[in-house]
Every structure is written in structure tokens, then in C-alpha cells.
Amino acid sequence: MSIVKEFREFAVKGNAVDMAVGIIIGAAFGKIVSSLVSDVIMPPVGLLIGGVDFKNLKLILKAATVDAPEVALNYGLFINNVIDFLIVAFAIFLVVKGVNSLKKTKG
């Protein structure tokens, strides 16, 4: 069997196609969740705690100079990313829980 034929059989198998679709949908979902966190959730949270924009929260370790940019810990962006991760992890948990319950009812 030639390499091209083997690859064609692999590529059209259900598992490979399903995985590719899942990766594409997952990437798109990640963008939606990132926008949800940074554009919808965090602005009101920042407003509630005194008008803080989380994107700009940082601890400057060394100020910028003419020759070098500042060195800073961008903990506000880190907080956004943690919330982003928690939402994605919870969504995946719900999907897996739903799939597992469907498997139990089928057999």
C-alpha cells in the first residue's frame, strides 16, 4: 500500500475528521471565551472595584529606558487568562459530563 493511499484512508476515517473539526471549533471557542472575558466580564468587575482596567495592572520591576523597555509582571493579563482558562475548563467539563450521561443511557 502506498503512502498516499494510506494517508488518504487515515484522513477520511471518522476519528481523524472528527478530531480536525473539534480542533477548529475549539480554537474558535477559545477566541469567543477570550473576548467574553476581556470585553464583557472584566470591564464591569473592574468598574465594581474602583474603575480598574485589568489589562493595565502590572508591577514594574524596572522602568523603561531609552535603550530598553520596562520589565514588568503583568498580573492583570494573567488574571484575565486564568478566568479565560476556568471558563473553557468548565465548558469542557460540561461537554464531557453530557457525553458520559449519553453513553450511560445508551448502554
PDB file of N, CA and C in Angstrom:
ATOM      1  N   MET A   1       0.858  -1.175   0.000  1.00  0.00           N
ATOM      2  CA  MET A   1       0.000   0.000   0.000  1.00  0.00           C
ATOM      3  C   MET A   1       0.907   1.243   0.000  1.00  0.00           C
ATOM      4  N   SER A   2       0.593   2.184  -0.871  1.00  0.00           N
ATOM      5  CA  SER A   2       1.435   3.379  -0.973  1.00  0.00           C
ATOM      6  C   SER A   2       1.162   4.348   0.174  1.00  0.00           C
ATOM      7  N   ILE A   3       2.107   5.215   0.419  1.00  0.00           N
ATOM      8  CA  ILE A   3       1.979   6.220   1.481  1.00  0.00           C
ATOM      9  C   ILE A   3       0.775   7.113   1.215  1.00  0.00           C
ATOM     10  N   VAL A   4       0.576   7.515  -0.027  1.00  0.00           N
ATOM     11  CA  VAL A   4      -0.538   8.410  -0.368  1.00  0.00           C
ATOM     12  C   VAL A   4      -1.865   7.732  -0.074  1.00  0.00           C
ATOM     13  N   LYS A   5      -1.983   6.462  -0.441  1.00  0.00           N
ATOM     14  CA  LYS A   5      -3.226   5.736  -0.195  1.00  0.00           C
ATOM     15  C   LYS A   5      -3.462   5.554   1.307  1.00  0.00           C
ATOM     16  N   GLU A   6      -2.417   5.221   2.045  1.00  0.00           N
ATOM     17  CA  GLU A   6      -2.551   5.078   3.496  1.00  0.00           C
ATOM     18  C   GLU A   6      -2.975   6.383   4.149  1.00  0.00           C
ATOM     19  N   PHE A   7      -2.355   7.494   3.693  1.00  0.00           N
ATOM     20  CA  PHE A   7      -2.717   8.792   4.259  1.00  0.00           C
ATOM     21  C   PHE A   7      -4.160   9.136   3.930  1.00  0.00           C
ATOM     22  N   ARG A   8      -4.598   8.861   2.708  1.00  0.00           N
ATOM     23  CA  ARG A   8      -5.982   9.154   2.317  1.00  0.00           C
ATOM     24  C   ARG A   8      -6.953   8.371   3.193  1.00  0.00           C
ATOM     25  N   GLU A   9      -6.678   7.102   3.438  1.00  0.00           N
ATOM     26  CA  GLU A   9      -7.546   6.296   4.297  1.00  0.00           C
ATOM     27  C   GLU A   9      -7.568   6.837   5.722  1.00  0.00           C
ATOM     28  N   PHE A  10      -6.408   7.247   6.217  1.00  0.00           N
ATOM     29  CA  PHE A  10      -6.338   7.819   7.563  1.00  0.00           C
ATOM     30  C   PHE A  10      -7.120   9.126   7.637  1.00  0.00           C
ATOM     31  N   ALA A  11      -6.956   9.983   6.633  1.00  0.00           N
ATOM     32  CA  ALA A  11      -7.563  11.316   6.657  1.00  0.00           C
ATOM     33  C   ALA A  11      -9.083  11.268   6.573  1.00  0.00           C
ATOM     34  N   VAL A  12      -9.630  10.270   5.886  1.00  0.00           N
ATOM     35  CA  VAL A  12     -11.086  10.227   5.744  1.00  0.00           C
ATOM     36  C   VAL A  12     -11.762   9.356   6.796  1.00  0.00           C
ATOM     37  N   LYS A  13     -10.975   8.720   7.653  1.00  0.00           N
ATOM     38  CA  LYS A  13     -11.580   7.976   8.754  1.00  0.00           C
ATOM     39  C   LYS A  13     -12.311   8.943   9.656  1.00  0.00           C
ATOM     40  N   GLY A  14     -13.368   8.480  10.275  1.00  0.00           N
ATOM     41  CA  GLY A  14     -14.178   9.326  11.140  1.00  0.00           C
ATOM     42  C   GLY A  14     -13.394   9.983  12.254  1.00  0.00           C
ATOM     43  N   ASN A  15     -12.498   9.247  12.897  1.00  0.00           N
ATOM     44  CA  ASN A  15     -11.769   9.806  14.033  1.00  0.00           C
ATOM     45  C   ASN A  15     -10.894  10.985  13.640  1.00  0.00           C
ATOM     46  N   ALA A  16     -10.196  10.889  12.508  1.00  0.00           N
ATOM     47  CA  ALA A  16      -9.318  11.981  12.088  1.00  0.00           C
ATOM     48  C   ALA A  16     -10.130  13.215  11.712  1.00  0.00           C
ATOM     49  N   VAL A  17     -11.216  13.010  10.988  1.00  0.00           N
ATOM     50  CA  VAL A  17     -12.068  14.136  10.588  1.00  0.00           C
ATOM     51  C   VAL A  17     -12.727  14.754  11.815  1.00  0.00           C
ATOM     52  N   ASP A  18     -13.229  13.922  12.716  1.00  0.00           N
ATOM     53  CA  ASP A  18     -13.844  14.429  13.948  1.00  0.00           C
ATOM     54  C   ASP A  18     -12.846  15.235  14.772  1.00  0.00           C
ATOM     55  N   MET A  19     -11.613  14.742  14.842  1.00  0.00           N
ATOM     56  CA  MET A  19     -10.593  15.458  15.598  1.00  0.00           C
ATOM     57  C   MET A  19     -10.292  16.813  14.960  1.00  0.00           C
ATOM     58  N   ALA A  20     -10.190  16.855  13.642  1.00  0.00           N
ATOM     59  CA  ALA A  20      -9.917  18.119  12.954  1.00  0.00           C
ATOM     60  C   ALA A  20     -11.039  19.125  13.187  1.00  0.00           C
ATOM     61  N   VAL A  21     -12.274  18.668  13.098  1.00  0.00           N
ATOM     62  CA  VAL A  21     -13.416  19.552  13.350  1.00  0.00           C
ATOM     63  C   VAL A  21     -13.389  20.037  14.794  1.00  0.00           C
ATOM     64  N   GLY A  22     -13.088  19.155  15.719  1.00  0.00           N
ATOM     65  CA  GLY A  22     -13.009  19.534  17.128  1.00  0.00           C
ATOM     66  C   GLY A  22     -11.935  20.576  17.394  1.00  0.00           C
ATOM     67  N   ILE A  23     -10.795  20.436  16.742  1.00  0.00           N
ATOM     68  CA  ILE A  23      -9.711  21.409  16.920  1.00  0.00           C
ATOM     69  C   ILE A  23     -10.120  22.771  16.383  1.00  0.00           C
ATOM     70  N   ILE A  24     -10.748  22.799  15.216  1.00  0.00           N
ATOM     71  CA  ILE A  24     -11.184  24.069  14.620  1.00  0.00           C
ATOM     72  C   ILE A  24     -12.243  24.735  15.486  1.00  0.00           C
ATOM     73  N   ILE A  25     -13.222  23.968  15.927  1.00  0.00           N
ATOM     74  CA  ILE A  25     -14.269  24.527  16.789  1.00  0.00           C
ATOM     75  C   ILE A  25     -13.671  24.970  18.123  1.00  0.00           C
ATOM     76  N   GLY A  26     -12.749  24.200  18.657  1.00  0.00           N
ATOM     77  CA  GLY A  26     -12.101  24.571  19.914  1.00  0.00           C
ATOM     78  C   GLY A  26     -11.333  25.880  19.810  1.00  0.00           C
ATOM     79  N   ALA A  27     -10.635  26.077  18.700  1.00  0.00           N
ATOM     80  CA  ALA A  27      -9.901  27.335  18.506  1.00  0.00           C
ATOM     81  C   ALA A  27     -10.861  28.514  18.421  1.00  0.00           C
ATOM     82  N   ALA A  28     -11.960  28.330  17.690  1.00  0.00           N
ATOM     83  CA  ALA A  28     -12.954  29.406  17.583  1.00  0.00           C
ATOM     84  C   ALA A  28     -13.601  29.672  18.939  1.00  0.00           C
ATOM     85  N   PHE A  29     -13.894  28.621  19.687  1.00  0.00           N
ATOM     86  CA  PHE A  29     -14.490  28.775  21.013  1.00  0.00           C
ATOM     87  C   PHE A  29     -13.539  29.513  21.946  1.00  0.00           C
ATOM     88  N   GLY A  30     -12.255  29.214  21.833  1.00  0.00           N
ATOM     89  CA  GLY A  30     -11.259  29.905  22.651  1.00  0.00           C
ATOM     90  C   GLY A  30     -11.251  31.405  22.398  1.00  0.00           C
ATOM     91  N   LYS A  31     -11.391  31.795  21.136  1.00  0.00           N
ATOM     92  CA  LYS A  31     -11.439  33.225  20.806  1.00  0.00           C
ATOM     93  C   LYS A  31     -12.684  33.875  21.390  1.00  0.00           C
ATOM     94  N   ILE A  32     -13.801  33.171  21.319  1.00  0.00           N
ATOM     95  CA  ILE A  32     -15.051  33.707  21.868  1.00  0.00           C
ATOM     96  C   ILE A  32     -14.933  33.876  23.381  1.00  0.00           C
ATOM     97  N   VAL A  33     -14.375  32.884  24.050  1.00  0.00           N
ATOM     98  CA  VAL A  33     -14.228  32.970  25.505  1.00  0.00           C
ATOM     99  C   VAL A  33     -13.265  34.098  25.878  1.00  0.00           C
ATOM    100  N   SER A  34     -12.180  34.248  25.137  1.00  0.00           N
ATOM    101  CA  SER A  34     -11.243  35.340  25.417  1.00  0.00           C
ATOM    102  C   SER A  34     -11.921  36.693  25.292  1.00  0.00           C
ATOM    103  N   SER A  35     -12.738  36.844  24.263  1.00  0.00           N
ATOM    104  CA  SER A  35     -13.475  38.100  24.097  1.00  0.00           C
ATOM    105  C   SER A  35     -14.492  38.279  25.213  1.00  0.00           C
ATOM    106  N   LEU A  36     -15.161  37.206  25.595  1.00  0.00           N
ATOM    107  CA  LEU A  36     -16.127  37.276  26.690  1.00  0.00           C
ATOM    108  C   LEU A  36     -15.449  37.766  27.967  1.00  0.00           C
ATOM    109  N   VAL A  37     -14.293  37.215  28.268  1.00  0.00           N
ATOM    110  CA  VAL A  37     -13.586  37.596  29.495  1.00  0.00           C
ATOM    111  C   VAL A  37     -13.099  39.040  29.418  1.00  0.00           C
ATOM    112  N   SER A  38     -12.377  39.380  28.345  1.00  0.00           N
ATOM    113  CA  SER A  38     -11.755  40.706  28.299  1.00  0.00           C
ATOM    114  C   SER A  38     -12.725  41.825  27.960  1.00  0.00           C
ATOM    115  N   ASP A  39     -13.792  41.535  27.194  1.00  0.00           N
ATOM    116  CA  ASP A  39     -14.693  42.592  26.733  1.00  0.00           C
ATOM    117  C   ASP A  39     -16.018  42.667  27.479  1.00  0.00           C
ATOM    118  N   VAL A  40     -16.429  41.571  28.121  1.00  0.00           N
ATOM    119  CA  VAL A  40     -17.744  41.550  28.767  1.00  0.00           C
ATOM    120  C   VAL A  40     -17.641  41.375  30.286  1.00  0.00           C
ATOM    121  N   ILE A  41     -16.849  40.423  30.744  1.00  0.00           N
ATOM    122  CA  ILE A  41     -16.799  40.124  32.178  1.00  0.00           C
ATOM    123  C   ILE A  41     -15.903  41.097  32.943  1.00  0.00           C
ATOM    124  N   MET A  42     -14.683  41.304  32.462  1.00  0.00           N
ATOM    125  CA  MET A  42     -13.718  42.084  33.235  1.00  0.00           C
ATOM    126  C   MET A  42     -14.026  43.584  33.326  1.00  0.00           C
ATOM    127  N   PRO A  43     -14.571  44.240  32.300  1.00  0.00           N
ATOM    128  CA  PRO A  43     -14.879  45.670  32.472  1.00  0.00           C
ATOM    129  C   PRO A  43     -15.841  45.964  33.626  1.00  0.00           C
ATOM    130  N   PRO A  44     -16.975  45.242  33.767  1.00  0.00           N
ATOM    131  CA  PRO A  44     -17.824  45.515  34.932  1.00  0.00           C
ATOM    132  C   PRO A  44     -17.155  45.159  36.262  1.00  0.00           C
ATOM    133  N   VAL A  45     -16.366  44.077  36.276  1.00  0.00           N
ATOM    134  CA  VAL A  45     -15.653  43.709  37.500  1.00  0.00           C
ATOM    135  C   VAL A  45     -14.681  44.826  37.873  1.00  0.00           C
ATOM    136  N   GLY A  46     -13.958  45.335  36.895  1.00  0.00           N
ATOM    137  CA  GLY A  46     -13.040  46.442  37.145  1.00  0.00           C
ATOM    138  C   GLY A  46     -13.761  47.687  37.616  1.00  0.00           C
ATOM    139  N   LEU A  47     -14.934  47.940  37.059  1.00  0.00           N
ATOM    140  CA  LEU A  47     -15.736  49.096  37.469  1.00  0.00           C
ATOM    141  C   LEU A  47     -16.199  48.945  38.914  1.00  0.00           C
ATOM    142  N   LEU A  48     -16.598  47.733  39.279  1.00  0.00           N
ATOM    143  CA  LEU A  48     -17.066  47.484  40.646  1.00  0.00           C
ATOM    144  C   LEU A  48     -15.963  47.661  41.690  1.00  0.00           C
ATOM    145  N   ILE A  49     -14.734  47.405  41.308  1.00  0.00           N
ATOM    146  CA  ILE A  49     -13.646  47.532  42.289  1.00  0.00           C
ATOM    147  C   ILE A  49     -12.862  48.834  42.107  1.00  0.00           C
ATOM    148  N   GLY A  50     -13.516  49.822  41.557  1.00  0.00           N
ATOM    149  CA  GLY A  50     -12.900  51.152  41.519  1.00  0.00           C
ATOM    150  C   GLY A  50     -12.398  51.610  40.170  1.00  0.00           C
ATOM    151  N   GLY A  51     -13.006  51.150  39.104  1.00  0.00           N
ATOM    152  CA  GLY A  51     -12.617  51.612  37.775  1.00  0.00           C
ATOM    153  C   GLY A  51     -11.270  51.102  37.299  1.00  0.00           C
ATOM    154  N   VAL A  52     -10.924  49.891  37.668  1.00  0.00           N
ATOM    155  CA  VAL A  52      -9.633  49.310  37.305  1.00  0.00           C
ATOM    156  C   VAL A  52      -9.751  48.590  35.972  1.00  0.00           C
ATOM    157  N   ASP A  53      -8.800  48.830  35.074  1.00  0.00           N
ATOM    158  CA  ASP A  53      -8.703  48.065  33.834  1.00  0.00           C
ATOM    159  C   ASP A  53      -7.664  46.969  34.068  1.00  0.00           C
ATOM    160  N   PHE A  54      -8.121  45.734  34.122  1.00  0.00           N
ATOM    161  CA  PHE A  54      -7.230  44.626  34.463  1.00  0.00           C
ATOM    162  C   PHE A  54      -6.078  44.476  33.481  1.00  0.00           C
ATOM    163  N   LYS A  55      -6.287  44.859  32.222  1.00  0.00           N
ATOM    164  CA  LYS A  55      -5.221  44.732  31.229  1.00  0.00           C
ATOM    165  C   LYS A  55      -4.007  45.575  31.599  1.00  0.00           C
ATOM    166  N   ASN A  56      -4.227  46.645  32.330  1.00  0.00           N
ATOM    167  CA  ASN A  56      -3.135  47.560  32.662  1.00  0.00           C
ATOM    168  C   ASN A  56      -2.519  47.314  34.037  1.00  0.00           C
ATOM    169  N   LEU A  57      -3.010  46.325  34.764  1.00  0.00           N
ATOM    170  CA  LEU A  57      -2.446  46.046  36.091  1.00  0.00           C
ATOM    171  C   LEU A  57      -1.096  45.351  35.941  1.00  0.00           C
ATOM    172  N   LYS A  58      -0.082  45.963  36.497  1.00  0.00           N
ATOM    173  CA  LYS A  58       1.255  45.368  36.420  1.00  0.00           C
ATOM    174  C   LYS A  58       2.123  45.906  37.541  1.00  0.00           C
ATOM    175  N   LEU A  59       3.139  45.147  37.845  1.00  0.00           N
ATOM    176  CA  LEU A  59       4.133  45.538  38.831  1.00  0.00           C
ATOM    177  C   LEU A  59       5.425  45.805  38.062  1.00  0.00           C
ATOM    178  N   ILE A  60       5.834  47.058  38.016  1.00  0.00           N
ATOM    179  CA  ILE A  60       7.028  47.423  37.254  1.00  0.00           C
ATOM    180  C   ILE A  60       8.262  47.100  38.091  1.00  0.00           C
ATOM    181  N   LEU A  61       9.084  46.213  37.563  1.00  0.00           N
ATOM    182  CA  LEU A  61      10.319  45.820  38.241  1.00  0.00           C
ATOM    183  C   LEU A  61      11.469  46.753  37.880  1.00  0.00           C
ATOM    184  N   LYS A  62      11.458  47.196  36.625  1.00  0.00           N
ATOM    185  CA  LYS A  62      12.485  48.128  36.168  1.00  0.00           C
ATOM    186  C   LYS A  62      11.851  49.035  35.128  1.00  0.00           C
ATOM    187  N   ALA A  63      11.939  50.323  35.340  1.00  0.00           N
ATOM    188  CA  ALA A  63      11.339  51.290  34.419  1.00  0.00           C
ATOM    189  C   ALA A  63      12.044  51.254  33.066  1.00  0.00           C
ATOM    190  N   ALA A  64      11.305  51.657  32.043  1.00  0.00           N
ATOM    191  CA  ALA A  64      11.860  51.701  30.697  1.00  0.00           C
ATOM    192  C   ALA A  64      12.944  52.770  30.611  1.00  0.00           C
ATOM    193  N   THR A  65      13.916  52.487  29.784  1.00  0.00           N
ATOM    194  CA  THR A  65      14.960  53.471  29.495  1.00  0.00           C
ATOM    195  C   THR A  65      14.989  53.691  27.996  1.00  0.00           C
ATOM    196  N   VAL A  66      15.852  54.566  27.556  1.00  0.00           N
ATOM    197  CA  VAL A  66      15.975  54.817  26.120  1.00  0.00           C
ATOM    198  C   VAL A  66      16.413  53.550  25.398  1.00  0.00           C
ATOM    199  N   ASP A  67      17.242  52.764  26.044  1.00  0.00           N
ATOM    200  CA  ASP A  67      17.810  51.575  25.413  1.00  0.00           C
ATOM    201  C   ASP A  67      17.012  50.296  25.624  1.00  0.00           C
ATOM    202  N   ALA A  68      16.131  50.274  26.613  1.00  0.00           N
ATOM    203  CA  ALA A  68      15.448  49.020  26.947  1.00  0.00           C
ATOM    204  C   ALA A  68      14.014  49.295  27.404  1.00  0.00           C
ATOM    205  N   PRO A  69      13.117  48.362  27.064  1.00  0.00           N
ATOM    206  CA  PRO A  69      11.733  48.514  27.538  1.00  0.00           C
ATOM    207  C   PRO A  69      11.643  48.197  29.030  1.00  0.00           C
ATOM    208  N   GLU A  70      10.498  48.530  29.619  1.00  0.00           N
ATOM    209  CA  GLU A  70      10.326  48.239  31.041  1.00  0.00           C
ATOM    210  C   GLU A  70      10.241  46.742  31.278  1.00  0.00           C
ATOM    211  N   VAL A  71      10.611  46.354  32.467  1.00  0.00           N
ATOM    212  CA  VAL A  71      10.473  44.966  32.902  1.00  0.00           C
ATOM    213  C   VAL A  71       9.340  44.972  33.923  1.00  0.00           C
ATOM    214  N   ALA A  72       8.282  44.201  33.619  1.00  0.00           N
ATOM    215  CA  ALA A  72       7.105  44.249  34.489  1.00  0.00           C
ATOM    216  C   ALA A  72       6.449  42.885  34.593  1.00  0.00           C
ATOM    217  N   LEU A  73       5.774  42.665  35.715  1.00  0.00           N
ATOM    218  CA  LEU A  73       4.919  41.493  35.900  1.00  0.00           C
ATOM    219  C   LEU A  73       3.494  41.934  35.575  1.00  0.00           C
ATOM    220  N   ASN A  74       2.972  41.449  34.466  1.00  0.00           N
ATOM    221  CA  ASN A  74       1.630  41.831  34.016  1.00  0.00           C
ATOM    222  C   ASN A  74       0.586  40.927  34.662  1.00  0.00           C
ATOM    223  N   TYR A  75       0.343  41.135  35.938  1.00  0.00           N
ATOM    224  CA  TYR A  75      -0.575  40.252  36.654  1.00  0.00           C
ATOM    225  C   TYR A  75      -2.027  40.465  36.252  1.00  0.00           C
ATOM    226  N   GLY A  76      -2.384  41.608  35.711  1.00  0.00           N
ATOM    227  CA  GLY A  76      -3.749  41.830  35.233  1.00  0.00           C
ATOM    228  C   GLY A  76      -4.073  40.938  34.044  1.00  0.00           C
ATOM    229  N   LEU A  77      -3.140  40.846  33.102  1.00  0.00           N
ATOM    230  CA  LEU A  77      -3.327  39.942  31.962  1.00  0.00           C
ATOM    231  C   LEU A  77      -3.367  38.492  32.428  1.00  0.00           C
ATOM    232  N   PHE A  78      -2.560  38.172  33.436  1.00  0.00           N
ATOM    233  CA  PHE A  78      -2.562  36.823  33.992  1.00  0.00           C
ATOM    234  C   PHE A  78      -3.929  36.494  34.595  1.00  0.00           C
ATOM    235  N   ILE A  79      -4.517  37.439  35.320  1.00  0.00           N
ATOM    236  CA  ILE A  79      -5.855  37.230  35.899  1.00  0.00           C
ATOM    237  C   ILE A  79      -6.870  36.981  34.791  1.00  0.00           C
ATOM    238  N   ASN A  80      -6.805  37.778  33.708  1.00  0.00           N
ATOM    239  CA  ASN A  80      -7.699  37.562  32.567  1.00  0.00           C
ATOM    240  C   ASN A  80      -7.531  36.154  32.005  1.00  0.00           C
ATOM    241  N   ASN A  81      -6.283  35.710  31.854  1.00  0.00           N
ATOM    242  CA  ASN A  81      -6.030  34.388  31.291  1.00  0.00           C
ATOM    243  C   ASN A  81      -6.486  33.267  32.215  1.00  0.00           C
ATOM    244  N   VAL A  82      -6.366  33.458  33.520  1.00  0.00           N
ATOM    245  CA  VAL A  82      -6.851  32.446  34.471  1.00  0.00           C
ATOM    246  C   VAL A  82      -8.368  32.320  34.371  1.00  0.00           C
ATOM    247  N   ILE A  83      -9.065  33.446  34.314  1.00  0.00           N
ATOM    248  CA  ILE A  83     -10.530  33.410  34.181  1.00  0.00           C
ATOM    249  C   ILE A  83     -10.913  32.776  32.854  1.00  0.00           C
ATOM    250  N   ASP A  84     -10.195  33.111  31.796  1.00  0.00           N
ATOM    251  CA  ASP A  84     -10.395  32.520  30.474  1.00  0.00           C
ATOM    252  C   ASP A  84     -10.279  30.997  30.562  1.00  0.00           C
ATOM    253  N   PHE A  85      -9.209  30.516  31.187  1.00  0.00           N
ATOM    254  CA  PHE A  85      -8.985  29.085  31.339  1.00  0.00           C
ATOM    255  C   PHE A  85     -10.105  28.418  32.131  1.00  0.00           C
ATOM    256  N   LEU A  86     -10.519  29.044  33.221  1.00  0.00           N
ATOM    257  CA  LEU A  86     -11.564  28.451  34.059  1.00  0.00           C
ATOM    258  C   LEU A  86     -12.876  28.301  33.292  1.00  0.00           C
ATOM    259  N   ILE A  87     -13.210  29.284  32.461  1.00  0.00           N
ATOM    260  CA  ILE A  87     -14.439  29.191  31.669  1.00  0.00           C
ATOM    261  C   ILE A  87     -14.330  28.066  30.649  1.00  0.00           C
ATOM    262  N   VAL A  88     -13.194  27.970  29.955  1.00  0.00           N
ATOM    263  CA  VAL A  88     -13.004  26.894  28.976  1.00  0.00           C
ATOM    264  C   VAL A  88     -13.019  25.537  29.671  1.00  0.00           C
ATOM    265  N   ALA A  89     -12.337  25.409  30.797  1.00  0.00           N
ATOM    266  CA  ALA A  89     -12.303  24.138  31.523  1.00  0.00           C
ATOM    267  C   ALA A  89     -13.699  23.734  31.983  1.00  0.00           C
ATOM    268  N   PHE A  90     -14.489  24.705  32.453  1.00  0.00           N
ATOM    269  CA  PHE A  90     -15.850  24.399  32.889  1.00  0.00           C
ATOM    270  C   PHE A  90     -16.717  23.973  31.706  1.00  0.00           C
ATOM    271  N   ALA A  91     -16.558  24.638  30.564  1.00  0.00           N
ATOM    272  CA  ALA A  91     -17.325  24.259  29.373  1.00  0.00           C
ATOM    273  C   ALA A  91     -16.963  22.848  28.924  1.00  0.00           C
ATOM    274  N   ILE A  92     -15.686  22.517  28.934  1.00  0.00           N
ATOM    275  CA  ILE A  92     -15.260  21.163  28.560  1.00  0.00           C
ATOM    276  C   ILE A  92     -15.798  20.147  29.555  1.00  0.00           C
ATOM    277  N   PHE A  93     -15.777  20.480  30.834  1.00  0.00           N
ATOM    278  CA  PHE A  93     -16.341  19.602  31.857  1.00  0.00           C
ATOM    279  C   PHE A  93     -17.809  19.312  31.560  1.00  0.00           C
ATOM    280  N   LEU A  94     -18.579  20.355  31.211  1.00  0.00           N
ATOM    281  CA  LEU A  94     -19.999  20.160  30.915  1.00  0.00           C
ATOM    282  C   LEU A  94     -20.209  19.282  29.684  1.00  0.00           C
ATOM    283  N   VAL A  95     -19.377  19.469  28.662  1.00  0.00           N
ATOM    284  CA  VAL A  95     -19.497  18.647  27.452  1.00  0.00           C
ATOM    285  C   VAL A  95     -19.179  17.193  27.772  1.00  0.00           C
ATOM    286  N   VAL A  96     -18.091  16.946  28.492  1.00  0.00           N
ATOM    287  CA  VAL A  96     -17.713  15.573  28.846  1.00  0.00           C
ATOM    288  C   VAL A  96     -18.781  14.937  29.725  1.00  0.00           C
ATOM    289  N   LYS A  97     -19.318  15.701  30.659  1.00  0.00           N
ATOM    290  CA  LYS A  97     -20.390  15.186  31.523  1.00  0.00           C
ATOM    291  C   LYS A  97     -21.616  14.811  30.694  1.00  0.00           C
ATOM    292  N   GLY A  98     -21.958  15.648  29.719  1.00  0.00           N
ATOM    293  CA  GLY A  98     -23.093  15.355  28.844  1.00  0.00           C
ATOM    294  C   GLY A  98     -22.863  14.119  27.995  1.00  0.00           C
ATOM    295  N   VAL A  99     -21.664  13.998  27.435  1.00  0.00           N
ATOM    296  CA  VAL A  99     -21.335  12.825  26.620  1.00  0.00           C
ATOM    297  C   VAL A  99     -21.368  11.567  27.476  1.00  0.00           C
ATOM    298  N   ASN A 100     -20.830  11.624  28.677  1.00  0.00           N
ATOM    299  CA  ASN A 100     -20.840  10.457  29.565  1.00  0.00           C
ATOM    300  C   ASN A 100     -22.257  10.052  29.949  1.00  0.00           C
ATOM    301  N   SER A 101     -23.134  11.027  30.176  1.00  0.00           N
ATOM    302  CA  SER A 101     -24.517  10.677  30.519  1.00  0.00           C
ATOM    303  C   SER A 101     -25.234  10.066  29.318  1.00  0.00           C
ATOM    304  N   LEU A 102     -24.903  10.514  28.105  1.00  0.00           N
ATOM    305  CA  LEU A 102     -25.492   9.898  26.914  1.00  0.00           C
ATOM    306  C   LEU A 102     -25.003   8.467  26.743  1.00  0.00           C
ATOM    307  N   LYS A 103     -23.731   8.224  27.035  1.00  0.00           N
ATOM    308  CA  LYS A 103     -23.184   6.869  26.937  1.00  0.00           C
ATOM    309  C   LYS A 103     -23.864   5.935  27.931  1.00  0.00           C
ATOM    310  N   LYS A 104     -24.162   6.436  29.141  1.00  0.00           N
ATOM    311  CA  LYS A 104     -24.812   5.611  30.157  1.00  0.00           C
ATOM    312  C   LYS A 104     -26.227   5.244  29.749  1.00  0.00           C
ATOM    313  N   THR A 105     -26.956   6.179  29.136  1.00  0.00           N
ATOM    314  CA  THR A 105     -28.339   5.894  28.747  1.00  0.00           C
ATOM    315  C   THR A 105     -28.405   4.965  27.547  1.00  0.00           C
ATOM    316  N   LYS A 106     -27.383   4.968  26.685  1.00  0.00           N
ATOM    317  CA  LYS A 106     -27.386   4.108  25.505  1.00  0.00           C
ATOM    318  C   LYS A 106     -26.947   2.685  25.819  1.00  0.00           C
ATOM    319  N   GLY A 107     -26.197   2.520  26.860  1.00  0.00           N
ATOM    320  CA  GLY A 107     -25.761   1.159  27.023  1.00  0.00           C
ATOM    321  C   GLY A 107     -25.060   0.876  28.251  1.00  0.00           C
TER     322      GLY A 107
END
